[in-house]
Amino acid sequence: MQCNSITFSGHALQRMFARGIKTEDVKSALSECETVADYPYDRPYPSRLVLAWANEKPLHIVVAQSAEDYACYVITAYIPTTKLWHDDFKTRRSL
């Protein structure tokens, strides 16, 4: 994902701190991630759920991006579990 700048929401920073996820891991993950789901109607910018790997662990990041200047806004980040996701971490389990 091409990000000319990366801004973390207050919510993202709080949740990342609680989950032991480093901002450096998220920044590097965004450069080598795969889109899991698109949310084109989110405002003020469309967002997506992406999958990346940090320290050999899966990492999900919800990120919005401005189409004008490719600025990225991290909404949240978490380590997905196989309780909610299949082993590929791209497909949500039916509950």
Protein backbone atom coordinates (compact mmCIF):
# COMPACT_ATOMS: atom_id res chain seq x y z
CA MET A 1 0.00 0.00 0.00
CA GLN A 2 1.44 3.34 -0.98
CA CYS A 3 1.29 5.84 1.89
CA ASN A 4 2.89 9.26 1.51
CA SER A 5 2.23 9.84 5.20
CA ILE A 6 0.81 7.76 8.05
CA THR A 7 -1.30 9.18 10.86
CA PHE A 8 -2.53 7.12 13.80
CA SER A 9 -5.90 7.86 15.38
CA GLY A 10 -6.04 8.18 19.17
CA HIS A 11 -8.13 5.00 19.21
CA ALA A 12 -5.51 3.14 17.17
CA LEU A 13 -2.68 4.21 19.49
CA GLN A 14 -4.63 3.21 22.60
CA ARG A 15 -5.60 -0.19 21.21
CA MET A 16 -2.12 -0.85 19.80
CA PHE A 17 -0.52 -0.03 23.16
CA ALA A 18 -2.95 -2.36 24.95
CA ARG A 19 -2.24 -5.11 22.41
CA GLY A 20 1.53 -4.69 22.37
CA ILE A 21 1.67 -3.60 18.73
CA LYS A 22 4.41 -1.11 17.82
CA THR A 23 3.86 1.82 15.46
CA GLU A 24 7.03 0.78 13.59
CA ASP A 25 5.52 -2.66 12.94
CA VAL A 26 2.35 -1.11 11.53
CA LYS A 27 4.27 1.32 9.34
CA SER A 28 6.42 -1.40 7.83
CA ALA A 29 3.41 -3.74 7.51
CA LEU A 30 1.52 -1.19 5.42
CA SER A 31 4.22 -1.33 2.76
CA GLU A 32 3.78 -5.10 2.36
CA CYS A 33 0.13 -5.83 3.06
CA GLU A 34 -2.75 -7.57 1.34
CA THR A 35 -6.30 -6.24 1.27
CA VAL A 36 -8.80 -8.49 3.06
CA ALA A 37 -11.88 -6.24 2.80
CA ASP A 38 -12.74 -2.87 1.26
CA TYR A 39 -15.03 -0.32 2.87
CA PRO A 40 -15.54 2.16 0.00
CA TYR A 41 -18.33 4.10 1.69
CA ASP A 42 -16.41 5.01 4.86
CA ARG A 43 -15.99 8.72 5.42
CA PRO A 44 -14.10 10.96 5.17
CA TYR A 45 -12.00 8.47 3.18
CA PRO A 46 -12.60 4.94 1.97
CA SER A 47 -10.93 2.38 4.20
CA ARG A 48 -9.84 -1.23 4.07
CA LEU A 49 -8.84 -4.10 6.29
CA VAL A 50 -5.37 -5.33 5.40
CA LEU A 51 -3.34 -8.34 6.44
CA ALA A 52 0.40 -8.16 6.99
CA TRP A 53 2.98 -10.01 9.04
CA ALA A 54 5.02 -8.49 11.85
CA ASN A 55 7.55 -10.55 13.80
CA GLU A 56 6.12 -13.70 12.19
CA LYS A 57 2.63 -12.92 13.54
CA PRO A 58 -0.43 -11.95 11.50
CA LEU A 59 -1.50 -8.34 11.82
CA HIS A 60 -4.81 -6.80 10.75
CA ILE A 61 -4.88 -3.08 10.18
CA VAL A 62 -7.90 -0.95 9.34
CA VAL A 63 -6.61 1.99 7.35
CA ALA A 64 -8.28 4.83 5.46
CA GLN A 65 -6.55 6.53 2.56
CA SER A 66 -6.96 9.84 0.78
CA ALA A 67 -7.05 9.38 -2.99
CA GLU A 68 -5.73 12.93 -3.43
CA ASP A 69 -2.40 12.73 -1.62
CA TYR A 70 -2.15 9.04 -0.57
CA ALA A 71 -2.15 9.98 3.11
CA CYS A 72 -2.99 6.95 5.26
CA TYR A 73 -4.92 7.06 8.51
CA VAL A 74 -4.65 4.04 10.79
CA ILE A 75 -7.97 3.45 12.51
CA THR A 76 -7.04 0.33 14.47
CA ALA A 77 -4.69 -2.65 14.44
CA TYR A 78 -4.96 -6.05 16.06
CA ILE A 79 -3.58 -9.57 15.96
CA PRO A 80 -6.32 -11.78 14.49
CA THR A 81 -7.10 -15.11 16.14
CA THR A 82 -8.10 -18.41 14.60
CA LYS A 83 -11.20 -18.29 16.79
CA LEU A 84 -12.61 -15.58 14.48
CA TRP A 85 -10.52 -16.12 11.34
CA HIS A 86 -9.55 -19.16 9.27
CA ASP A 87 -5.86 -20.10 9.18
CA ASP A 88 -5.25 -17.79 6.21
CA PHE A 89 -6.41 -14.81 8.36
CA LYS A 90 -8.29 -13.54 5.28
CA THR A 91 -11.59 -15.36 5.76
CA ARG A 92 -13.80 -14.75 8.76
CA ARG A 93 -15.30 -17.82 10.43
CA SER A 94 -19.07 -18.19 10.65
CA LEU A 95 -20.12 -18.00 14.26
